[in-house]
N, C-alpha and C. Protein backbone atom coordinates (compact mmCIF):
# COMPACT_ATOMS: atom_id res chain seq x y z
N MET A 1 -67.95 -89.14 -100.72
CA MET A 1 -66.94 -88.49 -100.03
C MET A 1 -67.57 -87.10 -99.56
N GLU A 2 -67.22 -86.74 -98.33
CA GLU A 2 -68.01 -85.66 -97.77
C GLU A 2 -67.76 -84.24 -98.52
N SER A 3 -68.74 -83.43 -98.29
CA SER A 3 -68.45 -81.79 -98.93
C SER A 3 -67.68 -81.23 -97.71
N LYS A 4 -67.36 -79.96 -98.78
CA LYS A 4 -66.74 -78.90 -97.68
C LYS A 4 -67.52 -78.66 -96.44
N ARG A 5 -69.08 -78.33 -96.74
CA ARG A 5 -69.70 -78.00 -95.28
C ARG A 5 -69.58 -79.00 -94.66
N GLN A 6 -69.59 -80.36 -94.82
CA GLN A 6 -69.66 -81.61 -93.73
C GLN A 6 -68.38 -81.54 -93.21
N GLN A 7 -67.37 -81.51 -93.98
CA GLN A 7 -65.83 -81.40 -93.19
C GLN A 7 -65.72 -80.13 -92.28
N LYS A 8 -65.99 -79.02 -92.57
CA LYS A 8 -66.39 -78.04 -91.94
C LYS A 8 -66.87 -78.11 -90.56
N PHE A 9 -68.48 -78.51 -90.56
CA PHE A 9 -69.22 -78.85 -89.57
C PHE A 9 -68.51 -80.01 -88.56
N ALA A 10 -68.08 -81.08 -89.43
CA ALA A 10 -67.50 -82.03 -88.49
C ALA A 10 -66.20 -81.42 -87.51
N GLY A 11 -65.30 -80.51 -88.14
CA GLY A 11 -64.34 -80.20 -87.66
C GLY A 11 -64.91 -78.91 -86.40
N VAL A 12 -65.96 -78.33 -86.17
CA VAL A 12 -66.53 -77.54 -85.41
C VAL A 12 -67.03 -78.35 -84.03
N ILE A 13 -67.59 -79.76 -84.31
CA ILE A 13 -68.23 -80.83 -83.43
C ILE A 13 -66.90 -81.18 -82.62
N GLN A 14 -65.84 -81.55 -83.58
CA GLN A 14 -64.93 -82.14 -82.97
C GLN A 14 -64.01 -81.51 -82.21
N GLU A 15 -63.93 -80.22 -82.20
CA GLU A 15 -63.04 -79.09 -81.60
C GLU A 15 -63.95 -79.02 -80.47
N ASP A 16 -65.09 -78.65 -80.59
CA ASP A 16 -66.06 -78.64 -79.21
C ASP A 16 -66.32 -79.39 -78.50
N LEU A 17 -66.42 -80.75 -78.61
CA LEU A 17 -66.47 -82.30 -78.01
C LEU A 17 -65.18 -82.18 -77.27
N ALA A 18 -63.78 -81.85 -78.27
CA ALA A 18 -62.78 -82.27 -77.33
C ALA A 18 -62.62 -81.29 -76.08
N ALA A 19 -63.03 -80.32 -76.13
CA ALA A 19 -62.90 -79.38 -75.04
C ALA A 19 -64.18 -79.77 -73.93
N ILE A 20 -65.03 -80.25 -74.15
CA ILE A 20 -66.29 -81.17 -73.31
C ILE A 20 -65.77 -81.71 -72.92
N PHE A 21 -64.91 -82.76 -73.39
CA PHE A 21 -64.21 -84.21 -72.66
C PHE A 21 -63.08 -83.82 -72.11
N GLN A 22 -62.35 -82.68 -72.46
CA GLN A 22 -61.16 -82.16 -71.52
C GLN A 22 -61.66 -81.71 -69.95
N ARG A 23 -62.56 -80.87 -70.16
CA ARG A 23 -63.32 -80.14 -68.90
C ARG A 23 -64.16 -81.37 -67.91
N GLU A 24 -65.06 -81.96 -68.86
CA GLU A 24 -65.88 -83.00 -67.98
C GLU A 24 -65.57 -84.48 -68.19
N GLY A 25 -64.57 -84.63 -68.55
CA GLY A 25 -64.32 -86.09 -68.68
C GLY A 25 -64.07 -86.93 -67.73
N MET A 26 -63.67 -86.26 -66.68
CA MET A 26 -63.16 -86.60 -65.60
C MET A 26 -64.25 -86.98 -65.00
N ASN A 27 -65.50 -86.58 -65.08
CA ASN A 27 -66.80 -86.86 -64.53
C ASN A 27 -67.11 -88.17 -65.03
N TYR A 28 -66.96 -88.47 -66.37
CA TYR A 28 -67.75 -89.65 -66.83
C TYR A 28 -66.67 -90.73 -66.77
N LEU A 29 -65.46 -90.66 -67.04
CA LEU A 29 -64.60 -91.70 -66.61
C LEU A 29 -63.46 -91.25 -66.20
N PRO A 30 -62.98 -91.50 -65.04
CA PRO A 30 -61.89 -90.87 -64.11
C PRO A 30 -60.88 -91.78 -64.37
N ASN A 31 -59.61 -90.92 -64.46
CA ASN A 31 -58.49 -91.29 -64.73
C ASN A 31 -58.12 -92.02 -66.21
N THR A 32 -58.92 -91.57 -67.01
CA THR A 32 -58.79 -91.80 -68.52
C THR A 32 -58.94 -90.77 -69.18
N LEU A 33 -58.42 -90.76 -70.46
CA LEU A 33 -58.10 -90.06 -71.27
C LEU A 33 -58.98 -89.98 -72.55
N VAL A 34 -59.65 -89.50 -72.90
CA VAL A 34 -60.44 -89.22 -73.99
C VAL A 34 -60.43 -88.54 -75.42
N THR A 35 -59.91 -89.09 -76.28
CA THR A 35 -59.44 -88.38 -77.37
C THR A 35 -60.47 -88.63 -78.45
N ILE A 36 -60.92 -87.45 -79.16
CA ILE A 36 -61.93 -87.66 -80.24
C ILE A 36 -60.87 -87.25 -81.75
N THR A 37 -60.71 -88.58 -82.29
CA THR A 37 -59.88 -88.76 -83.40
C THR A 37 -60.61 -88.65 -84.66
N LYS A 38 -61.81 -88.53 -84.76
CA LYS A 38 -62.58 -88.14 -85.79
C LYS A 38 -63.83 -88.11 -85.85
N VAL A 39 -64.83 -87.11 -86.72
CA VAL A 39 -66.02 -86.73 -86.73
C VAL A 39 -66.41 -86.96 -88.33
N ARG A 40 -67.40 -87.94 -88.16
CA ARG A 40 -68.15 -87.85 -89.89
C ARG A 40 -69.62 -87.51 -89.41
N VAL A 41 -70.05 -86.46 -90.62
CA VAL A 41 -71.31 -86.15 -90.28
C VAL A 41 -72.07 -86.27 -91.41
N THR A 42 -73.28 -86.78 -91.41
CA THR A 42 -74.41 -87.02 -92.55
C THR A 42 -74.55 -86.05 -93.28
N PRO A 43 -74.94 -86.23 -94.60
CA PRO A 43 -75.46 -84.94 -95.50
C PRO A 43 -76.31 -84.05 -95.02
N ASP A 44 -77.09 -84.57 -94.12
CA ASP A 44 -78.35 -83.38 -93.51
C ASP A 44 -77.75 -83.01 -92.69
N LEU A 45 -76.52 -83.40 -91.97
CA LEU A 45 -75.84 -82.63 -90.32
C LEU A 45 -76.67 -82.99 -89.42
N ALA A 46 -78.01 -83.97 -89.93
CA ALA A 46 -78.59 -84.35 -88.30
C ALA A 46 -77.87 -85.59 -87.53
N ILE A 47 -76.55 -86.22 -87.82
CA ILE A 47 -75.96 -87.14 -87.19
C ILE A 47 -74.51 -87.31 -87.40
N ALA A 48 -74.21 -87.22 -86.15
CA ALA A 48 -72.58 -86.96 -86.22
C ALA A 48 -72.07 -88.36 -85.55
N ARG A 49 -71.29 -88.86 -86.28
CA ARG A 49 -70.34 -90.20 -85.73
C ARG A 49 -68.96 -89.85 -85.17
N VAL A 50 -68.99 -89.93 -83.87
CA VAL A 50 -67.72 -89.50 -83.39
C VAL A 50 -67.24 -91.06 -82.79
N PHE A 51 -65.71 -90.82 -83.21
CA PHE A 51 -64.92 -92.00 -82.94
C PHE A 51 -63.79 -91.40 -81.82
N LEU A 52 -63.79 -92.49 -81.23
CA LEU A 52 -63.10 -91.92 -79.74
C LEU A 52 -61.93 -93.12 -79.14
N SER A 53 -60.93 -92.26 -78.80
CA SER A 53 -59.78 -93.23 -78.63
C SER A 53 -59.83 -93.14 -76.61
N PHE A 54 -59.38 -94.26 -76.21
CA PHE A 54 -59.27 -94.25 -74.50
C PHE A 54 -57.84 -94.54 -74.51
N PHE A 55 -57.24 -93.85 -73.38
CA PHE A 55 -56.10 -93.96 -73.33
C PHE A 55 -56.11 -93.97 -71.63
N ASN A 56 -55.12 -95.17 -70.58
CA ASN A 56 -55.21 -95.21 -69.60
C ASN A 56 -56.46 -95.98 -69.08
N HIS A 57 -57.18 -96.89 -70.13
CA HIS A 57 -58.15 -97.87 -69.58
C HIS A 57 -58.15 -98.95 -70.36
N THR A 58 -58.25 -100.18 -69.61
CA THR A 58 -58.00 -101.28 -70.48
C THR A 58 -59.40 -101.67 -71.33
N ASN A 59 -60.57 -101.59 -70.40
CA ASN A 59 -61.82 -101.85 -70.92
C ASN A 59 -62.75 -100.60 -72.07
N THR A 60 -62.12 -100.87 -73.20
CA THR A 60 -62.44 -99.85 -73.82
C THR A 60 -63.96 -99.86 -74.11
N GLN A 61 -64.72 -101.23 -73.90
CA GLN A 61 -65.98 -101.02 -74.59
C GLN A 61 -67.00 -100.61 -73.24
N GLN A 62 -66.52 -100.86 -72.32
CA GLN A 62 -67.04 -100.51 -71.23
C GLN A 62 -66.74 -98.55 -71.06
N SER A 63 -65.95 -98.34 -71.56
CA SER A 63 -66.02 -96.86 -71.53
C SER A 63 -66.80 -96.37 -72.58
N LEU A 64 -66.73 -96.98 -73.69
CA LEU A 64 -67.84 -96.36 -74.97
C LEU A 64 -69.27 -96.35 -74.08
N ALA A 65 -69.32 -97.60 -73.48
CA ALA A 65 -70.77 -97.48 -72.99
C ALA A 65 -71.32 -96.45 -71.56
N THR A 66 -70.31 -95.94 -71.06
CA THR A 66 -70.23 -95.04 -70.05
C THR A 66 -70.34 -93.73 -71.11
N VAL A 67 -69.66 -93.31 -72.12
CA VAL A 67 -69.76 -92.27 -72.75
C VAL A 67 -71.48 -92.19 -73.30
N LYS A 68 -71.75 -93.49 -74.12
CA LYS A 68 -73.10 -93.62 -74.66
C LYS A 68 -74.38 -93.48 -73.59
N SER A 69 -74.20 -93.80 -72.23
CA SER A 69 -75.02 -93.63 -71.29
C SER A 69 -74.95 -91.85 -71.00
N HIS A 70 -73.99 -91.32 -71.40
CA HIS A 70 -74.14 -90.00 -71.07
C HIS A 70 -74.08 -88.61 -72.41
N ALA A 71 -74.78 -89.68 -73.61
CA ALA A 71 -74.68 -89.15 -74.83
C ALA A 71 -75.81 -87.71 -74.76
N SER A 72 -76.88 -88.14 -73.89
CA SER A 72 -77.83 -86.68 -74.16
C SER A 72 -77.40 -85.56 -73.26
N GLU A 73 -76.47 -85.91 -72.52
CA GLU A 73 -75.68 -84.50 -71.43
C GLU A 73 -74.98 -84.06 -72.45
N ILE A 74 -73.96 -85.13 -72.96
CA ILE A 74 -72.81 -84.25 -74.24
C ILE A 74 -73.48 -83.56 -75.09
N ARG A 75 -74.45 -84.01 -75.51
CA ARG A 75 -75.26 -83.00 -76.74
C ARG A 75 -75.78 -82.11 -76.12
N TYR A 76 -76.27 -81.67 -74.95
CA TYR A 76 -76.65 -80.80 -74.35
C TYR A 76 -76.02 -79.62 -74.24
N LYS A 77 -74.56 -80.15 -73.76
CA LYS A 77 -73.46 -79.42 -73.84
C LYS A 77 -72.85 -78.71 -74.99
N LEU A 78 -72.62 -79.75 -75.91
CA LEU A 78 -72.32 -79.46 -77.26
C LEU A 78 -73.16 -78.48 -77.81
N GLY A 79 -74.66 -78.38 -77.65
CA GLY A 79 -75.81 -77.54 -78.36
C GLY A 79 -75.51 -75.94 -77.50
N ALA A 80 -75.15 -75.70 -76.36
CA ALA A 80 -75.00 -75.12 -75.77
C ALA A 80 -73.81 -73.90 -76.14
N ARG A 81 -72.91 -74.82 -77.09
CA ARG A 81 -71.76 -74.30 -77.29
C ARG A 81 -71.69 -73.84 -78.86
N ILE A 82 -72.63 -74.50 -79.89
CA ILE A 82 -72.35 -74.37 -81.02
C ILE A 82 -73.94 -73.70 -81.75
N LYS A 83 -75.06 -73.70 -80.35
CA LYS A 83 -76.25 -73.19 -80.83
C LYS A 83 -76.20 -72.01 -81.88
N ASP A 84 -75.60 -70.60 -81.62
CA ASP A 84 -75.30 -69.63 -82.71
C ASP A 84 -74.92 -70.05 -83.92
N GLN A 85 -74.25 -71.07 -84.23
CA GLN A 85 -73.49 -71.68 -85.62
C GLN A 85 -74.40 -72.36 -86.60
N VAL A 86 -75.60 -73.63 -85.89
CA VAL A 86 -76.43 -74.19 -86.69
C VAL A 86 -77.50 -74.19 -86.36
N ARG A 87 -78.53 -74.84 -87.08
CA ARG A 87 -80.08 -74.63 -86.82
C ARG A 87 -80.34 -76.08 -85.92
N VAL A 88 -80.02 -76.90 -86.18
CA VAL A 88 -80.09 -78.59 -85.47
C VAL A 88 -79.05 -79.01 -84.92
N ILE A 89 -78.97 -79.20 -83.49
CA ILE A 89 -77.91 -79.90 -82.98
C ILE A 89 -77.80 -81.48 -83.30
N PRO A 90 -76.87 -82.22 -83.87
CA PRO A 90 -77.21 -83.07 -84.38
C PRO A 90 -76.89 -84.51 -83.50
N GLN A 91 -77.57 -85.53 -83.54
CA GLN A 91 -77.35 -86.60 -82.75
C GLN A 91 -76.24 -87.08 -82.77
N LEU A 92 -75.97 -87.42 -81.55
CA LEU A 92 -74.09 -88.38 -81.36
C LEU A 92 -74.20 -89.69 -81.30
N GLU A 93 -73.67 -90.44 -82.03
CA GLU A 93 -73.05 -91.65 -82.48
C GLU A 93 -71.75 -91.81 -81.57
N PHE A 94 -71.48 -92.64 -80.99
CA PHE A 94 -70.10 -92.71 -80.22
C PHE A 94 -69.40 -94.15 -81.15
N PHE A 95 -68.19 -94.37 -81.20
CA PHE A 95 -67.71 -95.85 -81.82
C PHE A 95 -66.22 -95.63 -81.38
N VAL A 96 -65.82 -96.67 -81.07
CA VAL A 96 -64.05 -96.91 -80.80
C VAL A 96 -63.57 -96.97 -82.05
N ASP A 97 -62.43 -95.76 -81.75
CA ASP A 97 -61.33 -95.79 -83.05
C ASP A 97 -60.19 -97.09 -82.58
N ASP A 98 -60.25 -97.78 -83.36
CA ASP A 98 -59.17 -99.06 -82.83
C ASP A 98 -57.91 -98.81 -83.84
N THR A 99 -57.78 -97.86 -84.56
CA THR A 99 -56.46 -97.35 -85.29
C THR A 99 -55.13 -97.92 -84.93
N ASN A 100 -55.37 -97.19 -83.43
CA ASN A 100 -53.47 -97.91 -82.67
C ASN A 100 -53.57 -98.98 -82.51
N GLU A 101 -54.72 -99.78 -82.10
CA GLU A 101 -54.67 -101.15 -81.80
C GLU A 101 -54.00 -101.78 -83.00
N TYR A 102 -54.86 -101.39 -84.05
CA TYR A 102 -54.59 -102.26 -85.75
C TYR A 102 -52.86 -101.99 -85.58
N VAL A 103 -52.69 -100.61 -85.63
CA VAL A 103 -51.37 -100.48 -86.03
C VAL A 103 -50.22 -101.13 -85.16
N GLU A 104 -50.73 -101.12 -83.86
CA GLU A 104 -49.89 -102.14 -82.95
C GLU A 104 -49.49 -103.40 -83.28
N ARG A 105 -50.76 -103.91 -83.79
CA ARG A 105 -51.13 -105.16 -83.89
C ARG A 105 -50.09 -105.71 -85.30
N MET A 106 -50.18 -104.84 -86.26
CA MET A 106 -49.22 -104.97 -87.76
C MET A 106 -47.97 -105.01 -87.19
N ASP A 107 -47.47 -103.96 -86.52
CA ASP A 107 -45.98 -103.75 -86.05
C ASP A 107 -45.59 -105.14 -85.60
N LYS A 108 -46.44 -105.55 -84.36
CA LYS A 108 -45.70 -107.11 -83.91
C LYS A 108 -45.65 -108.03 -85.11
N ILE A 109 -46.62 -108.10 -86.18
CA ILE A 109 -46.86 -109.37 -87.12
C ILE A 109 -45.38 -109.21 -87.59
N PHE A 110 -45.11 -107.33 -88.33
CA PHE A 110 -44.26 -107.17 -89.57
C PHE A 110 -42.55 -107.57 -88.05
N ASP A 111 -42.62 -107.14 -86.99
CA ASP A 111 -41.54 -107.54 -86.39
C ASP A 111 -41.23 -109.03 -86.26
N LYS A 112 -42.39 -109.85 -86.17
CA LYS A 112 -42.31 -111.31 -85.95
C LYS A 112 -41.86 -111.69 -87.46
N ILE A 113 -41.94 -111.34 -88.52
CA ILE A 113 -41.64 -111.84 -89.87
C ILE A 113 -39.75 -111.23 -89.83
N SER A 114 -39.88 -110.02 -89.38
CA SER A 114 -38.49 -109.62 -89.64
C SER A 114 -37.53 -110.46 -89.00
N LYS A 115 -38.12 -111.11 -87.97
CA LYS A 115 -36.85 -111.95 -86.83
C LYS A 115 -36.71 -113.52 -86.87
N GLU A 116 -37.76 -113.77 -88.21
CA GLU A 116 -37.78 -115.10 -88.53
C GLU A 116 -36.42 -115.35 -89.40
N ASP A 117 -36.01 -116.58 -89.41
CA ASP A 117 -34.84 -116.98 -90.30
C ASP A 117 -35.02 -116.46 -91.77
N ARG A 118 -34.42 -116.08 -92.42
CA ARG A 118 -34.98 -115.76 -93.72
C ARG A 118 -34.31 -117.16 -94.50
N GLN A 119 -35.41 -117.71 -95.55
CA GLN A 119 -34.76 -118.54 -96.35
C GLN A 119 -33.70 -118.44 -97.67
N PRO A 120 -32.82 -118.88 -97.86
CA PRO A 120 -31.79 -118.40 -99.01
C PRO A 120 -32.30 -118.34 -100.18
N ASP A 121 -32.44 -117.55 -100.80
CA ASP A 121 -33.19 -117.18 -102.39
C ASP A 121 -32.24 -118.54 -103.18
N THR A 122 -33.27 -119.24 -104.01
CA THR A 122 -32.85 -119.67 -104.88
C THR A 122 -32.85 -119.47 -106.09
N ASP A 123 -32.13 -119.82 -107.10
CA ASP A 123 -32.17 -119.10 -108.65
C ASP A 123 -32.20 -120.42 -109.00
N GLU A 124 -33.44 -120.52 -109.74
CA GLU A 124 -33.74 -121.63 -110.75
C GLU A 124 -33.42 -120.84 -112.36
N ASN A 125 -32.69 -121.69 -113.01
CA ASN A 125 -32.49 -121.42 -114.46
C ASN A 125 -32.82 -122.24 -115.46
């Protein structure tokens, strides 16, 4: 369980990364909307695990690789924004947040189940 300090720091990073991707995201991934869905920070605040969601892009692994290739540049821009609030700028690790894909897959399964013919209940006494 994350401490209040970790949660607060993760929130700051999430806000600032969102602003960076909003302004600079087109340079990395044209015609793709990048959303920071979640940020998790280690207890020593040295590593930030950033979960991303990509819209208008079919190959999420390629998008993730592109973001990872620009990780040092993104970290530098993050550092410029939060340098007065922290001692050390955390290393950034990027991951794909596949929650939406999981939800869509589960919805399709439930729809398929609900459309199947129902077997009549048999009462055995």
